[in-house]
């Protein structure tokens, strides 16, 4: 189960299954989003009501700061764990 499907309620999962012929849990992210769009559903939001952020850019910036010795490896790893929720 993806995090996105975990945020769907039972009725939404049933609608997606009727639309696609597959369980929402068995769909790829792309298939799930396409089915939801066809059904006029808003994509599920992450915790706090916001769409899950993409941490790639932030991690790349932090890696650049680390590579320039502006932050230490330990500071980089701590921030990475914080961003990824580990």
N, C-alpha and C. Protein backbone atom coordinates (compact mmCIF):
# COMPACT_ATOMS: atom_id res chain seq x y z
N UNK A 1 0.85 -1.17 0.00
CA UNK A 1 0.00 0.00 0.00
C UNK A 1 0.89 1.24 0.00
N UNK A 2 0.59 2.16 -0.90
CA UNK A 2 1.35 3.40 -0.91
C UNK A 2 0.78 4.34 0.14
N UNK A 3 1.56 5.31 0.48
CA UNK A 3 1.09 6.30 1.46
C UNK A 3 -0.14 7.01 0.92
N UNK A 4 -0.17 7.24 -0.38
CA UNK A 4 -1.31 7.93 -0.98
C UNK A 4 -2.59 7.12 -0.82
N UNK A 5 -2.54 5.81 -1.05
CA UNK A 5 -3.75 5.00 -0.90
C UNK A 5 -4.15 4.88 0.56
N UNK A 6 -3.20 4.97 1.47
CA UNK A 6 -3.54 4.91 2.89
C UNK A 6 -4.39 6.11 3.30
N UNK A 7 -4.32 7.20 2.55
CA UNK A 7 -5.08 8.39 2.87
C UNK A 7 -6.47 8.42 2.23
N UNK A 8 -6.78 7.42 1.40
CA UNK A 8 -8.10 7.33 0.80
C UNK A 8 -9.06 6.68 1.78
N UNK A 9 -10.31 7.13 1.79
CA UNK A 9 -11.29 6.46 2.62
C UNK A 9 -11.85 5.25 1.86
N UNK A 10 -12.63 4.43 2.54
CA UNK A 10 -13.14 3.18 1.95
C UNK A 10 -13.99 3.45 0.71
N UNK A 11 -14.80 4.49 0.75
CA UNK A 11 -15.66 4.82 -0.39
C UNK A 11 -14.82 5.21 -1.61
N UNK A 12 -13.78 5.99 -1.39
CA UNK A 12 -12.91 6.40 -2.48
C UNK A 12 -12.19 5.19 -3.07
N UNK A 13 -11.71 4.30 -2.21
CA UNK A 13 -11.04 3.09 -2.70
C UNK A 13 -12.00 2.25 -3.54
N UNK A 14 -13.25 2.16 -3.11
CA UNK A 14 -14.24 1.38 -3.86
C UNK A 14 -14.51 2.02 -5.22
N UNK A 15 -14.61 3.35 -5.26
CA UNK A 15 -14.83 4.04 -6.53
C UNK A 15 -13.66 3.82 -7.49
N UNK A 16 -12.45 3.87 -6.96
CA UNK A 16 -11.27 3.64 -7.79
C UNK A 16 -11.28 2.22 -8.33
N UNK A 17 -11.65 1.26 -7.48
CA UNK A 17 -11.69 -0.13 -7.92
C UNK A 17 -12.75 -0.32 -9.01
N UNK A 18 -13.90 0.31 -8.85
CA UNK A 18 -14.93 0.21 -9.88
C UNK A 18 -14.47 0.84 -11.20
N UNK A 19 -13.72 1.93 -11.09
CA UNK A 19 -13.23 2.63 -12.28
C UNK A 19 -12.17 1.81 -13.01
N UNK A 20 -11.26 1.18 -12.25
CA UNK A 20 -10.10 0.54 -12.86
C UNK A 20 -10.18 -0.97 -12.94
N UNK A 21 -11.03 -1.57 -12.12
CA UNK A 21 -11.09 -3.02 -12.06
C UNK A 21 -9.99 -3.61 -11.18
N UNK A 22 -9.23 -2.75 -10.52
CA UNK A 22 -8.15 -3.18 -9.62
C UNK A 22 -8.32 -2.49 -8.28
N UNK A 23 -7.78 -3.12 -7.25
CA UNK A 23 -7.73 -2.48 -5.94
C UNK A 23 -6.83 -1.25 -6.02
N UNK A 24 -7.20 -0.20 -5.31
CA UNK A 24 -6.37 1.01 -5.28
C UNK A 24 -4.96 0.68 -4.81
N UNK A 25 -4.83 -0.29 -3.90
CA UNK A 25 -3.52 -0.67 -3.38
C UNK A 25 -2.64 -1.34 -4.43
N UNK A 26 -3.26 -1.88 -5.49
CA UNK A 26 -2.51 -2.58 -6.53
C UNK A 26 -2.12 -1.68 -7.70
N UNK A 27 -2.56 -0.44 -7.67
CA UNK A 27 -2.26 0.50 -8.75
C UNK A 27 -0.93 1.21 -8.51
N UNK A 28 -0.29 1.59 -9.59
CA UNK A 28 0.89 2.45 -9.46
C UNK A 28 0.39 3.85 -9.09
N UNK A 29 1.29 4.70 -8.65
CA UNK A 29 0.92 6.08 -8.32
C UNK A 29 0.27 6.76 -9.53
N UNK A 30 0.85 6.54 -10.71
CA UNK A 30 0.33 7.18 -11.91
C UNK A 30 -1.07 6.67 -12.23
N UNK A 31 -1.28 5.36 -12.13
CA UNK A 31 -2.61 4.79 -12.39
C UNK A 31 -3.64 5.31 -11.39
N UNK A 32 -3.23 5.38 -10.13
CA UNK A 32 -4.14 5.86 -9.10
C UNK A 32 -4.53 7.31 -9.35
N UNK A 33 -3.55 8.15 -9.64
CA UNK A 33 -3.85 9.56 -9.89
C UNK A 33 -4.73 9.74 -11.12
N UNK A 34 -4.48 8.94 -12.16
CA UNK A 34 -5.31 9.02 -13.37
C UNK A 34 -6.75 8.62 -13.07
N UNK A 35 -6.93 7.55 -12.32
CA UNK A 35 -8.28 7.10 -11.96
C UNK A 35 -8.98 8.15 -11.11
N UNK A 36 -8.26 8.72 -10.17
CA UNK A 36 -8.86 9.74 -9.32
C UNK A 36 -9.26 10.97 -10.13
N UNK A 37 -8.44 11.33 -11.10
CA UNK A 37 -8.75 12.48 -11.96
C UNK A 37 -10.03 12.21 -12.74
N UNK A 38 -10.15 10.99 -13.31
CA UNK A 38 -11.36 10.63 -14.05
C UNK A 38 -12.60 10.69 -13.18
N UNK A 39 -12.43 10.35 -11.91
CA UNK A 39 -13.55 10.35 -10.97
C UNK A 39 -13.81 11.72 -10.36
N UNK A 40 -12.97 12.70 -10.69
CA UNK A 40 -13.14 14.05 -10.16
C UNK A 40 -12.71 14.18 -8.71
N UNK A 41 -11.84 13.29 -8.26
CA UNK A 41 -11.35 13.32 -6.87
C UNK A 41 -10.10 14.18 -6.79
N UNK A 42 -9.96 14.86 -5.67
CA UNK A 42 -8.72 15.57 -5.38
C UNK A 42 -7.69 14.55 -4.93
N UNK A 43 -6.43 14.71 -5.32
CA UNK A 43 -5.40 13.80 -4.82
C UNK A 43 -5.34 13.89 -3.30
N UNK A 44 -5.14 12.76 -2.62
CA UNK A 44 -5.06 12.80 -1.16
C UNK A 44 -3.89 13.65 -0.71
N UNK A 45 -4.09 14.36 0.36
CA UNK A 45 -3.06 15.22 0.91
C UNK A 45 -2.27 14.48 1.97
N UNK A 46 -1.01 14.89 2.15
CA UNK A 46 -0.18 14.31 3.20
C UNK A 46 -0.57 14.83 4.56
N UNK A 47 0.17 14.51 5.56
CA UNK A 47 -0.11 14.97 6.91
C UNK A 47 -0.08 16.49 6.93
N UNK A 48 -0.99 17.06 7.70
CA UNK A 48 -1.05 18.51 7.79
C UNK A 48 -1.81 19.13 6.64
N UNK A 49 -2.40 18.31 5.76
CA UNK A 49 -3.23 18.81 4.68
C UNK A 49 -2.47 19.33 3.48
N UNK A 50 -1.18 19.12 3.42
CA UNK A 50 -0.40 19.59 2.27
C UNK A 50 0.07 18.41 1.44
N UNK A 51 0.22 18.64 0.17
CA UNK A 51 0.74 17.61 -0.72
C UNK A 51 2.14 17.22 -0.25
N UNK A 52 2.46 15.96 -0.36
CA UNK A 52 3.79 15.49 0.05
C UNK A 52 4.85 16.25 -0.73
N UNK A 53 5.79 16.88 -0.05
CA UNK A 53 6.82 17.64 -0.76
C UNK A 53 7.85 16.72 -1.41
N UNK A 54 8.50 17.24 -2.43
CA UNK A 54 9.60 16.54 -3.07
C UNK A 54 10.89 17.02 -2.42
N UNK A 55 11.57 16.13 -1.73
CA UNK A 55 12.76 16.50 -0.98
C UNK A 55 14.02 16.53 -1.83
N UNK A 56 13.93 16.16 -3.09
CA UNK A 56 15.10 16.06 -3.93
C UNK A 56 15.87 17.38 -4.00
N UNK A 57 15.16 18.47 -4.27
CA UNK A 57 15.84 19.76 -4.40
C UNK A 57 16.51 20.16 -3.09
N UNK A 58 15.80 19.98 -1.99
CA UNK A 58 16.36 20.35 -0.69
C UNK A 58 17.61 19.52 -0.38
N UNK A 59 17.54 18.23 -0.66
CA UNK A 59 18.70 17.37 -0.41
C UNK A 59 19.88 17.74 -1.29
N UNK A 60 19.60 18.11 -2.55
CA UNK A 60 20.68 18.54 -3.44
C UNK A 60 21.33 19.82 -2.94
N UNK A 61 20.52 20.77 -2.44
CA UNK A 61 21.08 22.00 -1.89
C UNK A 61 21.96 21.69 -0.68
N UNK A 62 21.45 20.83 0.19
CA UNK A 62 22.22 20.47 1.38
C UNK A 62 23.52 19.76 1.01
N UNK A 63 23.45 18.88 0.01
CA UNK A 63 24.66 18.18 -0.42
C UNK A 63 25.68 19.19 -0.97
N UNK A 64 25.20 20.20 -1.68
CA UNK A 64 26.09 21.23 -2.19
C UNK A 64 26.77 22.00 -1.05
N UNK A 65 25.99 22.32 -0.01
CA UNK A 65 26.56 23.00 1.15
C UNK A 65 27.59 22.12 1.85
N UNK A 66 27.29 20.84 1.92
CA UNK A 66 28.23 19.89 2.52
C UNK A 66 29.51 19.82 1.70
N UNK A 67 29.35 19.73 0.37
CA UNK A 67 30.51 19.62 -0.52
C UNK A 67 31.40 20.86 -0.48
N UNK A 68 30.80 22.01 -0.15
CA UNK A 68 31.56 23.26 -0.04
C UNK A 68 32.06 23.49 1.39
N UNK A 69 31.86 22.47 2.23
CA UNK A 69 32.27 22.55 3.65
C UNK A 69 31.59 23.67 4.42
N UNK A 70 30.38 24.02 3.99
CA UNK A 70 29.60 25.02 4.72
C UNK A 70 28.88 24.35 5.89
N UNK A 71 28.43 23.11 5.67
CA UNK A 71 27.89 22.29 6.75
C UNK A 71 28.69 21.00 6.82
N UNK A 72 28.66 20.36 7.97
CA UNK A 72 29.41 19.12 8.14
C UNK A 72 28.60 17.93 7.63
N UNK A 73 29.27 16.80 7.48
CA UNK A 73 28.59 15.56 7.09
C UNK A 73 27.52 15.19 8.12
N UNK A 74 27.85 15.38 9.40
CA UNK A 74 26.87 15.08 10.45
C UNK A 74 25.64 15.97 10.36
N UNK A 75 25.85 17.26 10.07
CA UNK A 75 24.71 18.17 9.91
C UNK A 75 23.88 17.78 8.69
N UNK A 76 24.55 17.40 7.61
CA UNK A 76 23.84 16.95 6.41
C UNK A 76 22.99 15.73 6.71
N UNK A 77 23.59 14.73 7.37
CA UNK A 77 22.86 13.49 7.67
C UNK A 77 21.69 13.75 8.60
N UNK A 78 21.88 14.63 9.58
CA UNK A 78 20.79 14.95 10.52
C UNK A 78 19.63 15.61 9.79
N UNK A 79 19.93 16.56 8.92
CA UNK A 79 18.87 17.24 8.17
C UNK A 79 18.19 16.29 7.18
N UNK A 80 18.96 15.41 6.58
CA UNK A 80 18.40 14.42 5.65
C UNK A 80 17.41 13.52 6.38
N UNK A 81 17.81 13.04 7.56
CA UNK A 81 16.90 12.19 8.34
C UNK A 81 15.62 12.96 8.71
N UNK A 82 15.78 14.23 9.06
CA UNK A 82 14.64 15.05 9.42
C UNK A 82 13.69 15.21 8.22
N UNK A 83 14.25 15.53 7.06
CA UNK A 83 13.42 15.73 5.86
C UNK A 83 12.69 14.45 5.46
N UNK A 84 13.36 13.32 5.60
CA UNK A 84 12.77 12.05 5.17
C UNK A 84 11.92 11.41 6.26
N UNK A 85 11.90 12.02 7.42
CA UNK A 85 11.09 11.48 8.52
C UNK A 85 11.62 10.20 9.08
N UNK A 86 12.92 10.04 9.06
CA UNK A 86 13.55 8.81 9.58
C UNK A 86 14.00 8.98 11.01
